[in-house]
Amino acid sequence: MPRTLAAMLFALVLFPLATRAQQPNMPDMPGMDMGSKPMNMKMKKMSMMSGMHQPTTLIEAELNHTSSGTSAEPASTPTPMLMSHHGPWMLMLHGTAFISDTQQSGPRGADKLFSTNWLMPMAMRHLGPGQLTLRAMFSLEPATVSGRQYPELFQQGETAFGKPIIDGQHPHNFFMEVAALYDIRLGQQTLLSFYAAPIGDPAIGPTAYPHRLSASEDPLAALGHHQEDSTHIAYNVLTGGITWRGLRFEESGFHGGEPSEQRWGFQPSPNGHAIDSYSSRITFSPTPNWSGQYSIAHIVSPEALYPNEDQQRQTASIMYNKPLGGTTHTGNWSSTLLWGRTRSLSDNSKENSYLVESLLQFRTRNYLWTRIENAGRSNELLISPGSHLPPNFEESPIGHVQAYSIGYDLDFHILPHLLAAPGAQFTTYTAPEALVPTYGHHPVGVVAFVRFRLH
């Protein structure tokens, strides 16, 4: 526990130091009022960079690159960040940290103090015929989540100390993303894009839950994470995409094995780092407030405990975002409807997960949200947490768990460019009959937390 608390304090020190960056006044950048002054050649070169104003189209949202990988939320989605300008470079910094205490009921319930967190620096500039974006993402969760997991009833996926994680969520890697993106306008309505990342997010699913606005105040992972967006940290990702108006097509190659539990470096999965998996995604954004996607992937040996099992994953999602409060934008409403399916190519077994989440920001500082899930689970949940797989164990679907969450938090300015929001979330679960003897009918979980955000 002392190491965990020390790491949490380190995270809190890191964020205020980052807030020393100032947001300069850039009246002559794209999207700002430039009056009748002609744009000089340098500004013409920078004109394709849309990160200086709220985007209104899918192409502008993509050029901002504020989501995970190459995914896109609705163009009207706000993104809190720090921004500065250095020569030809535009520099940005995003960051969020939760310090949470969770208490859960039932035979499998547990409690723990932990922190989930991430920090994303980004730099972009005009280079040659296009825009170059360099982006990284870091997390201190390997230190702030002790025991290589935090409690979350009915959650499963990956390993801790060589054993399956049951009723828990694994921490993210210290290196969540290290990526370069390059975008070339082929015309006013067409964009050609490339993404290369030794560790990054291939074109599968919507924006991953840590970076999805509708999930931004929820301190816990979605139960359907491993059917919906668990590939947001993958090795050796290459993605190419073409966008025309509000329609985007993408293809990715990547390494299918999930990261090992040694999360501080670029640790190989048991079968190396080679590009052995692929995915396709189509994104459609007809208006600034709407975005949808469908994706399909062939993933080679994603789970360390089942090295001979390849998977097919499909996802479909619809996102809606609506700024509230007229020109003052004192609020926002963001929602996501998401389906994910993982099918084993060994025995054709399937697990489907469904999610609805919605976040309402009102009177500027208040956040109220809900997440409702119907998540397919496997017979791994019958194994005692902290145990090895039994000999000759074969994983198979066992039923669906329903989870209903509601939460609230309230923002306070505690330092320049740093917000803190104390809050709480309550979740009640409904277990399928096969799991009632193990969990009870309706276990519950409560999380009290403080969320910190760069702003």
Protein backbone atom coordinates (compact mmCIF):
# COMPACT_ATOMS: atom_id res chain seq x y z
CA MET A 1 0.00 0.00 0.00
CA PRO A 2 2.79 2.59 0.72
CA ARG A 3 4.15 2.10 -2.82
CA THR A 4 0.66 2.59 -4.26
CA LEU A 5 0.05 5.78 -2.27
CA ALA A 6 3.48 7.12 -3.21
CA ALA A 7 2.77 6.52 -6.89
CA MET A 8 -0.60 8.26 -6.54
CA LEU A 9 1.12 11.28 -5.00
CA PHE A 10 3.65 11.26 -7.86
CA ALA A 11 0.77 11.34 -10.34
CA LEU A 12 -0.77 14.29 -8.56
CA VAL A 13 2.56 16.15 -8.61
CA LEU A 14 3.09 15.41 -12.31
CA PHE A 15 -0.22 16.88 -13.38
CA PRO A 16 0.16 20.30 -11.69
CA LEU A 17 3.66 20.63 -13.11
CA ALA A 18 2.24 20.04 -16.57
CA THR A 19 -0.29 22.81 -16.02
CA ARG A 20 2.42 25.46 -16.10
CA ALA A 21 1.96 25.52 -19.87
CA GLN A 22 -0.04 28.54 -20.96
CA GLN A 23 -2.60 28.82 -23.70
CA PRO A 24 -1.30 31.57 -25.96
CA ASN A 25 -3.49 33.91 -27.90
CA MET A 26 -3.34 32.85 -31.55
CA PRO A 27 -5.69 35.20 -33.39
CA ASP A 28 -4.25 34.42 -36.81
CA MET A 29 -4.68 30.65 -36.72
CA PRO A 30 -7.28 28.74 -38.74
CA GLY A 31 -10.78 28.97 -37.41
CA MET A 32 -10.16 32.35 -35.78
CA ASP A 33 -11.31 35.75 -36.96
CA MET A 34 -8.54 37.16 -39.18
CA GLY A 35 -10.46 40.20 -40.38
CA SER A 36 -9.37 41.43 -43.81
CA LYS A 37 -5.68 40.69 -43.31
CA PRO A 38 -4.49 38.32 -46.05
CA MET A 39 -3.22 34.96 -44.90
CA ASN A 40 0.55 34.69 -45.45
CA MET A 41 2.25 31.64 -46.91
CA LYS A 42 3.05 30.14 -43.52
CA MET A 43 -0.58 30.35 -42.48
CA LYS A 44 -1.64 28.81 -45.78
CA LYS A 45 0.57 25.84 -45.02
CA MET A 46 -0.94 25.58 -41.56
CA SER A 47 -4.51 25.98 -42.79
CA MET A 48 -5.14 22.23 -42.99
CA MET A 49 -4.49 21.92 -39.25
CA SER A 50 -7.92 22.17 -37.69
CA GLY A 51 -6.83 21.78 -34.05
CA MET A 52 -7.29 25.49 -33.33
CA HIS A 53 -11.08 25.48 -33.35
CA GLN A 54 -14.02 23.18 -32.73
CA PRO A 55 -14.32 20.93 -35.81
CA THR A 56 -17.55 20.77 -37.77
CA THR A 57 -16.81 17.87 -40.17
CA LEU A 58 -15.42 14.35 -39.94
CA ILE A 59 -12.22 15.42 -41.74
CA GLU A 60 -11.64 18.29 -39.31
CA ALA A 61 -12.25 15.97 -36.34
CA GLU A 62 -9.71 13.50 -37.72
CA LEU A 63 -7.10 16.21 -38.21
CA ASN A 64 -7.44 17.12 -34.53
CA HIS A 65 -6.40 13.56 -33.56
CA THR A 66 -7.72 13.91 -30.01
CA SER A 67 -9.29 10.42 -29.85
CA SER A 68 -7.55 7.07 -29.42
CA GLY A 69 -5.79 5.70 -32.49
CA THR A 70 -7.55 6.91 -35.62
CA SER A 71 -11.08 6.68 -34.22
CA ALA A 72 -13.46 9.63 -34.43
CA GLU A 73 -16.16 10.86 -32.10
CA PRO A 74 -18.80 13.31 -33.40
CA ALA A 75 -17.16 16.53 -34.56
CA SER A 76 -19.02 18.60 -31.94
CA THR A 77 -17.44 16.61 -29.08
CA PRO A 78 -15.42 18.96 -26.81
CA THR A 79 -11.90 17.98 -25.74
CA PRO A 80 -10.31 19.60 -22.69
CA MET A 81 -6.61 20.23 -23.28
CA LEU A 82 -3.70 22.58 -22.81
CA MET A 83 -2.37 24.14 -26.00
CA SER A 84 0.70 26.16 -26.92
CA HIS A 85 2.67 27.05 -30.04
CA HIS A 86 6.42 26.69 -30.64
CA GLY A 87 7.72 27.69 -34.06
CA PRO A 88 5.91 25.57 -36.67
CA TRP A 89 4.69 23.14 -34.01
CA MET A 90 1.34 23.18 -32.25
CA LEU A 91 1.68 21.42 -28.87
CA MET A 92 -1.18 19.90 -26.87
CA LEU A 93 -1.52 18.04 -23.60
CA HIS A 94 -4.47 15.98 -22.32
CA GLY A 95 -4.64 14.18 -19.00
CA THR A 96 -7.02 12.56 -16.53
CA ALA A 97 -6.50 10.74 -13.22
CA PHE A 98 -8.94 9.10 -10.81
CA ILE A 99 -8.17 8.23 -7.20
CA SER A 100 -10.89 5.73 -6.34
CA ASP A 101 -12.04 3.62 -3.43
CA THR A 102 -14.36 0.76 -4.37
CA GLN A 103 -16.55 -1.37 -2.11
CA GLN A 104 -18.48 -4.39 -3.45
CA SER A 105 -21.04 -6.73 -1.91
CA GLY A 106 -21.69 -10.45 -2.22
CA PRO A 107 -19.45 -13.52 -1.88
CA ARG A 108 -17.06 -12.21 -4.53
CA GLY A 109 -17.11 -8.57 -3.43
CA ALA A 110 -13.83 -6.80 -2.62
CA ASP A 111 -12.58 -3.33 -1.73
CA LYS A 112 -9.52 -1.38 -2.78
CA LEU A 113 -7.95 2.07 -3.06
CA PHE A 114 -6.35 2.62 -6.48
CA SER A 115 -5.76 5.15 -9.24
CA THR A 116 -6.49 4.94 -12.96
CA ASN A 117 -4.82 7.63 -15.06
CA TRP A 118 -3.36 8.66 -18.40
CA LEU A 119 -1.43 11.58 -19.90
CA MET A 120 -1.29 12.32 -23.64
CA PRO A 121 1.20 14.83 -25.11
CA MET A 122 0.84 15.63 -28.82
CA ALA A 123 2.63 17.80 -31.38
CA MET A 124 1.59 18.61 -34.95
CA ARG A 125 2.91 20.69 -37.81
CA HIS A 126 2.74 21.07 -41.57
CA LEU A 127 5.36 18.90 -43.31
CA GLY A 128 5.63 18.44 -47.07
CA PRO A 129 2.18 18.10 -48.64
CA GLY A 130 0.45 17.16 -45.39
CA GLN A 131 0.15 17.36 -41.63
CA LEU A 132 2.45 15.40 -39.30
CA THR A 133 1.19 14.51 -35.84
CA LEU A 134 3.36 12.91 -33.15
CA ARG A 135 1.48 11.52 -30.19
CA ALA A 136 2.25 9.51 -27.07
CA MET A 137 0.18 8.29 -24.17
CA PHE A 138 1.41 7.23 -20.75
CA SER A 139 -0.17 5.73 -17.65
CA LEU A 140 1.15 5.24 -14.12
CA GLU A 141 -1.35 2.45 -13.50
CA PRO A 142 1.40 -0.22 -13.24
CA ALA A 143 2.30 1.57 -9.99
CA THR A 144 -1.07 2.96 -8.88
CA VAL A 145 -3.01 -0.31 -9.33
CA SER A 146 -1.38 -2.73 -6.90
CA GLY A 147 -1.57 -6.49 -7.38
CA ARG A 148 -1.84 -6.02 -11.16
CA GLN A 149 -5.63 -5.55 -10.98
CA TYR A 150 -8.41 -3.61 -9.29
CA PRO A 151 -11.73 -5.17 -8.17
CA GLU A 152 -14.64 -5.14 -10.60
CA LEU A 153 -17.35 -7.77 -10.24
CA PHE A 154 -17.89 -10.03 -13.27
CA GLN A 155 -14.94 -8.54 -15.17
CA GLN A 156 -12.50 -10.93 -16.85
CA GLY A 157 -9.63 -10.85 -19.33
CA GLU A 158 -5.81 -11.05 -19.36
CA THR A 159 -3.66 -12.33 -16.47
CA ALA A 160 -2.01 -11.37 -13.19
CA PHE A 161 0.97 -13.41 -11.98
CA GLY A 162 0.21 -16.00 -14.65
CA LYS A 163 -3.36 -16.55 -13.44
CA PRO A 164 -6.59 -15.42 -15.12
CA ILE A 165 -7.96 -12.12 -13.88
CA ILE A 166 -11.42 -12.86 -12.48
CA ASP A 167 -13.61 -10.12 -10.97
CA GLY A 168 -10.91 -7.59 -11.74
CA GLN A 169 -9.58 -5.19 -14.34
CA HIS A 170 -5.93 -5.11 -15.36
CA PRO A 171 -3.92 -1.84 -15.36
CA HIS A 172 -2.93 -0.19 -18.61
CA ASN A 173 0.66 -0.19 -19.82
CA PHE A 174 2.99 2.69 -18.97
CA PHE A 175 3.32 3.14 -22.76
CA MET A 176 -0.28 3.20 -23.94
CA GLU A 177 0.62 4.70 -27.32
CA VAL A 178 3.66 5.91 -29.24
CA ALA A 179 2.52 6.93 -32.71
CA ALA A 180 3.08 9.06 -35.80
CA LEU A 181 0.18 10.16 -38.01
CA TYR A 182 0.36 11.78 -41.42
CA ASP A 183 -2.60 13.28 -43.29
CA ILE A 184 -2.72 14.57 -46.86
CA ARG A 185 -5.64 16.49 -48.31
CA LEU A 186 -6.40 15.20 -51.80
CA GLY A 187 -9.07 17.85 -52.22
CA GLN A 188 -11.48 19.93 -50.18
CA GLN A 189 -13.57 16.86 -49.33
CA THR A 190 -10.97 14.06 -49.38
CA LEU A 191 -8.29 13.09 -46.86
CA LEU A 192 -5.65 10.36 -47.08
CA SER A 193 -4.30 9.24 -43.69
CA PHE A 194 -1.53 7.01 -42.35
CA TYR A 195 -0.86 5.81 -38.80
CA ALA A 196 2.22 3.95 -37.54
CA ALA A 197 2.73 2.93 -33.92
CA PRO A 198 5.09 0.47 -32.23
CA ILE A 199 2.33 0.47 -29.61
CA GLY A 200 -1.04 1.93 -30.49
CA ASP A 201 -4.68 1.46 -31.46
CA PRO A 202 -5.71 -0.31 -34.70
CA ALA A 203 -8.96 0.37 -36.56
CA ILE A 204 -11.28 -1.70 -34.37
CA GLY A 205 -14.29 -0.38 -32.51
CA PRO A 206 -15.20 3.14 -31.48
CA THR A 207 -13.02 5.44 -29.40
CA ALA A 208 -11.77 3.31 -26.49
CA TYR A 209 -13.50 3.84 -23.15
CA PRO A 210 -10.63 5.78 -21.42
CA HIS A 211 -10.93 8.48 -24.12
CA ARG A 212 -14.64 8.33 -24.97
CA LEU A 213 -16.47 11.41 -23.73
CA SER A 214 -19.60 9.49 -22.72
CA ALA A 215 -17.39 7.32 -20.45
CA SER A 216 -15.06 10.09 -19.28
CA GLU A 217 -16.47 10.43 -15.73
CA ASP A 218 -16.80 6.68 -15.08
CA PRO A 219 -13.77 5.47 -13.08
CA LEU A 220 -14.23 1.78 -14.02
CA ALA A 221 -13.74 -0.16 -17.24
CA ALA A 222 -16.75 -1.35 -19.20
CA LEU A 223 -17.59 -5.02 -18.59
CA GLY A 224 -17.65 -5.54 -22.36
CA HIS A 225 -14.16 -4.11 -22.78
CA HIS A 226 -12.70 -7.35 -24.16
CA GLN A 227 -15.46 -7.70 -26.74
CA GLU A 228 -15.51 -4.03 -27.73
CA ASP A 229 -12.23 -2.08 -27.52
CA SER A 230 -9.49 -4.07 -25.75
CA THR A 231 -7.22 -3.75 -28.80
CA HIS A 232 -6.62 -0.05 -28.01
CA ILE A 233 -3.16 -1.10 -26.80
CA ALA A 234 -1.60 -3.31 -29.48
CA TYR A 235 1.90 -3.77 -30.87
CA ASN A 236 3.22 -2.76 -34.32
CA VAL A 237 0.13 -1.07 -35.68
CA LEU A 238 -0.04 0.17 -39.29
CA THR A 239 -3.24 1.83 -40.51
CA GLY A 240 -4.21 3.47 -43.78
CA GLY A 241 -7.45 5.37 -44.31
CA ILE A 242 -9.31 7.43 -46.89
CA THR A 243 -12.07 9.89 -46.01
CA TRP A 244 -14.56 11.44 -48.40
CA ARG A 245 -16.93 13.95 -46.87
CA GLY A 246 -18.49 12.12 -43.90
CA LEU A 247 -17.42 8.61 -44.90
CA ARG A 248 -14.14 6.94 -43.90
CA PHE A 249 -12.60 3.54 -44.75
CA GLU A 250 -9.62 2.12 -42.83
CA GLU A 251 -7.44 -0.99 -42.88
CA SER A 252 -5.01 -2.00 -40.12
CA GLY A 253 -2.33 -4.61 -39.60
CA PHE A 254 -1.11 -5.27 -36.06
CA HIS A 255 0.14 -7.89 -33.61
CA GLY A 256 -2.82 -9.74 -32.13
CA GLY A 257 -1.33 -10.84 -28.79
CA GLU A 258 -2.37 -8.65 -25.88
CA PRO A 259 0.42 -7.01 -23.88
CA SER A 260 2.04 -9.09 -21.18
CA GLU A 261 1.47 -8.20 -17.54
CA GLN A 262 5.00 -6.72 -17.33
CA ARG A 263 3.60 -3.30 -18.14
CA TRP A 264 6.49 -0.86 -17.74
CA GLY A 265 8.17 -1.47 -21.10
CA PHE A 266 7.60 -2.81 -24.59
CA GLN A 267 7.30 -6.37 -23.33
CA PRO A 268 6.52 -8.95 -26.02
CA SER A 269 3.47 -11.15 -25.85
CA PRO A 270 4.23 -14.91 -25.71
CA ASN A 271 4.28 -15.10 -29.51
CA GLY A 272 6.44 -12.06 -30.17
CA HIS A 273 5.61 -8.77 -31.91
CA ALA A 274 5.05 -9.71 -35.57
CA ILE A 275 2.16 -8.20 -37.52
CA ASP A 276 -0.18 -11.20 -37.76
CA SER A 277 -3.69 -9.72 -37.44
CA TYR A 278 -5.80 -7.30 -39.45
CA SER A 279 -8.95 -5.22 -39.22
CA SER A 280 -11.29 -3.10 -41.33
CA ARG A 281 -13.46 -0.21 -40.18
CA ILE A 282 -16.00 2.06 -41.84
CA THR A 283 -16.98 5.31 -40.11
CA PHE A 284 -19.94 7.48 -41.08
CA SER A 285 -20.55 10.97 -39.68
CA PRO A 286 -23.47 12.66 -41.48
CA THR A 287 -23.63 15.69 -39.16
CA PRO A 288 -21.38 17.27 -36.49
CA ASN A 289 -23.43 15.62 -33.73
CA TRP A 290 -23.55 12.04 -35.04
CA SER A 291 -20.93 9.38 -35.72
CA GLY A 292 -21.20 5.63 -36.30
CA GLN A 293 -18.79 2.82 -37.12
CA TYR A 294 -18.69 -0.86 -38.00
CA SER A 295 -15.47 -2.85 -37.74
CA ILE A 296 -14.34 -6.45 -38.11
CA ALA A 297 -11.00 -8.01 -37.20
CA HIS A 298 -9.11 -11.30 -37.36
CA ILE A 299 -6.98 -11.48 -34.19
CA VAL A 300 -4.26 -14.11 -33.80
CA SER A 301 -3.77 -15.57 -30.28
CA PRO A 302 -4.91 -12.54 -28.25
CA GLU A 303 -5.09 -14.28 -24.84
CA ALA A 304 -1.92 -15.59 -23.20
CA LEU A 305 -3.80 -18.43 -21.46
CA TYR A 306 -5.27 -19.68 -24.77
CA PRO A 307 -2.34 -19.39 -27.21
CA ASN A 308 -3.90 -21.67 -29.84
CA GLU A 309 -7.16 -19.72 -30.07
CA ASP A 310 -7.62 -17.07 -32.75
CA GLN A 311 -10.62 -14.76 -32.67
CA GLN A 312 -12.89 -12.81 -34.94
CA ARG A 313 -14.15 -9.57 -33.44
CA GLN A 314 -16.98 -7.39 -34.72
CA THR A 315 -18.18 -4.09 -33.31
CA ALA A 316 -20.80 -1.53 -34.26
CA SER A 317 -21.51 1.75 -32.50
CA ILE A 318 -23.44 4.99 -32.74
CA MET A 319 -22.34 8.14 -30.92
CA TYR A 320 -24.35 11.30 -30.38
CA ASN A 321 -23.06 14.58 -28.95
CA LYS A 322 -24.98 17.78 -28.35
CA PRO A 323 -23.45 21.01 -26.96
CA LEU A 324 -25.89 22.73 -24.58
CA GLY A 325 -26.28 26.35 -23.55
CA GLY A 326 -26.19 28.10 -26.92
CA THR A 327 -23.03 30.08 -27.69
CA THR A 328 -21.81 29.90 -24.07
CA HIS A 329 -21.65 26.07 -24.12
CA THR A 330 -22.31 25.70 -20.40
CA GLY A 331 -23.14 22.04 -20.88
CA ASN A 332 -22.94 19.02 -23.14
CA TRP A 333 -24.76 15.74 -23.68
CA SER A 334 -22.80 12.75 -25.02
CA SER A 335 -24.11 9.21 -25.58
CA THR A 336 -22.82 5.92 -27.01
CA LEU A 337 -24.65 2.79 -28.14
CA LEU A 338 -22.19 -0.08 -28.66
CA TRP A 339 -22.22 -3.76 -29.61
CA GLY A 340 -19.19 -6.02 -29.58
CA ARG A 341 -18.81 -9.70 -30.42
CA THR A 342 -15.84 -12.02 -30.00
CA ARG A 343 -16.03 -15.39 -31.78
CA SER A 344 -13.53 -18.15 -31.14
CA LEU A 345 -12.24 -19.57 -34.41
CA SER A 346 -11.38 -22.82 -32.60
CA ASP A 347 -14.85 -23.89 -31.43
CA ASN A 348 -17.10 -21.14 -32.90
CA SER A 349 -18.26 -20.05 -29.42
CA LYS A 350 -19.44 -16.44 -29.24
CA GLU A 351 -19.67 -13.75 -26.59
CA ASN A 352 -21.74 -10.63 -27.27
CA SER A 353 -21.73 -7.48 -25.19
CA TYR A 354 -24.07 -4.52 -25.41
CA LEU A 355 -23.54 -1.09 -23.87
CA VAL A 356 -25.49 2.14 -23.54
CA GLU A 357 -23.83 5.05 -21.77
CA SER A 358 -24.76 8.69 -21.50
CA LEU A 359 -23.08 11.70 -19.87
CA LEU A 360 -24.84 14.99 -19.16
CA GLN A 361 -22.75 18.03 -18.26
CA PHE A 362 -24.96 20.84 -16.95
CA ARG A 363 -24.37 24.27 -15.41
CA THR A 364 -20.74 23.95 -16.51
CA ARG A 365 -19.44 22.09 -13.44
CA ASN A 366 -21.94 19.25 -12.92
CA TYR A 367 -21.74 15.76 -14.46
CA LEU A 368 -24.42 13.08 -14.29
CA TRP A 369 -24.00 9.79 -16.13
CA THR A 370 -25.25 6.26 -16.55
CA ARG A 371 -23.87 3.09 -18.07
CA ILE A 372 -26.06 0.06 -18.80
CA GLU A 373 -24.50 -3.19 -19.99
CA ASN A 374 -25.52 -6.68 -21.01
CA ALA A 375 -22.19 -8.52 -21.19
CA GLY A 376 -21.51 -12.10 -22.24
CA ARG A 377 -19.36 -13.96 -19.71
CA SER A 378 -17.52 -17.27 -19.74
CA ASN A 379 -17.14 -20.16 -17.30
CA GLU A 380 -13.84 -18.66 -16.13
CA LEU A 381 -15.99 -16.84 -13.56
CA LEU A 382 -16.60 -20.18 -11.82
CA ILE A 383 -12.89 -20.35 -10.95
CA SER A 384 -11.84 -18.82 -7.64
CA PRO A 385 -10.03 -15.50 -8.14
CA GLY A 386 -6.28 -15.88 -7.81
CA SER A 387 -6.30 -19.50 -8.97
CA HIS A 388 -4.62 -21.11 -11.95
CA LEU A 389 -6.75 -22.60 -14.71
CA PRO A 390 -7.75 -26.19 -13.84
CA PRO A 391 -6.11 -28.94 -15.94
CA ASN A 392 -7.70 -29.37 -19.38
CA PHE A 393 -9.94 -26.35 -18.78
CA GLU A 394 -11.92 -25.24 -21.84
CA GLU A 395 -13.43 -21.78 -21.82
CA SER A 396 -17.06 -21.50 -22.96
CA PRO A 397 -19.90 -18.94 -22.65
CA ILE A 398 -21.99 -19.21 -19.48
CA GLY A 399 -24.53 -16.39 -19.77
CA HIS A 400 -25.02 -12.65 -19.72
CA VAL A 401 -24.53 -10.25 -16.81
CA GLN A 402 -26.52 -7.03 -16.59
CA ALA A 403 -24.90 -4.02 -14.96
CA TYR A 404 -26.65 -0.71 -14.21
CA SER A 405 -24.52 2.24 -13.11
CA ILE A 406 -25.30 5.83 -12.19
CA GLY A 407 -22.87 8.48 -11.02
CA TYR A 408 -22.34 12.16 -10.28
CA ASP A 409 -19.36 14.48 -9.79
CA LEU A 410 -18.75 18.23 -9.52
CA ASP A 411 -15.79 20.21 -10.89
CA PHE A 412 -13.63 22.58 -8.83
CA HIS A 413 -10.69 24.66 -10.08
CA ILE A 414 -7.86 23.83 -7.68
CA LEU A 415 -4.89 25.13 -9.71
CA PRO A 416 -4.49 26.98 -13.01
CA HIS A 417 -5.52 24.54 -15.75
CA LEU A 418 -6.33 21.76 -13.27
CA LEU A 419 -9.83 20.61 -12.29
CA ALA A 420 -10.74 18.27 -9.44
CA ALA A 421 -14.13 16.57 -9.20
CA PRO A 422 -15.20 14.56 -6.16
CA GLY A 423 -17.87 12.07 -7.06
CA ALA A 424 -19.45 8.67 -6.59
CA GLN A 425 -20.90 5.87 -8.68
CA PHE A 426 -23.34 3.10 -7.75
CA THR A 427 -23.67 -0.14 -9.75
CA THR A 428 -26.10 -3.02 -9.34
CA TYR A 429 -25.67 -6.32 -11.18
CA THR A 430 -27.98 -9.13 -12.22
CA ALA A 431 -26.27 -12.50 -12.53
CA PRO A 432 -27.37 -15.33 -14.86
CA GLU A 433 -28.67 -18.45 -13.11
CA ALA A 434 -25.43 -20.34 -13.63
CA LEU A 435 -23.55 -17.69 -11.60
CA VAL A 436 -26.10 -17.04 -8.82
CA PRO A 437 -24.59 -19.65 -6.44
CA THR A 438 -21.21 -17.93 -6.85
CA TYR A 439 -22.25 -14.25 -6.78
CA GLY A 440 -25.80 -14.03 -5.47
CA HIS A 441 -28.68 -12.58 -7.48
CA HIS A 442 -27.94 -8.84 -7.26
CA PRO A 443 -24.51 -7.85 -5.90
CA VAL A 444 -23.72 -4.13 -5.87
CA GLY A 445 -20.64 -1.95 -6.08
CA VAL A 446 -19.97 1.61 -4.90
CA VAL A 447 -17.01 3.77 -5.94
CA ALA A 448 -16.09 7.06 -4.25
CA PHE A 449 -13.44 9.02 -6.13
CA VAL A 450 -11.76 12.28 -6.98
CA ARG A 451 -11.13 12.91 -10.67
CA PHE A 452 -8.34 15.29 -11.80
CA ARG A 453 -8.22 16.70 -15.31
CA LEU A 454 -6.04 19.12 -17.27
CA HIS A 455 -8.19 21.88 -18.66
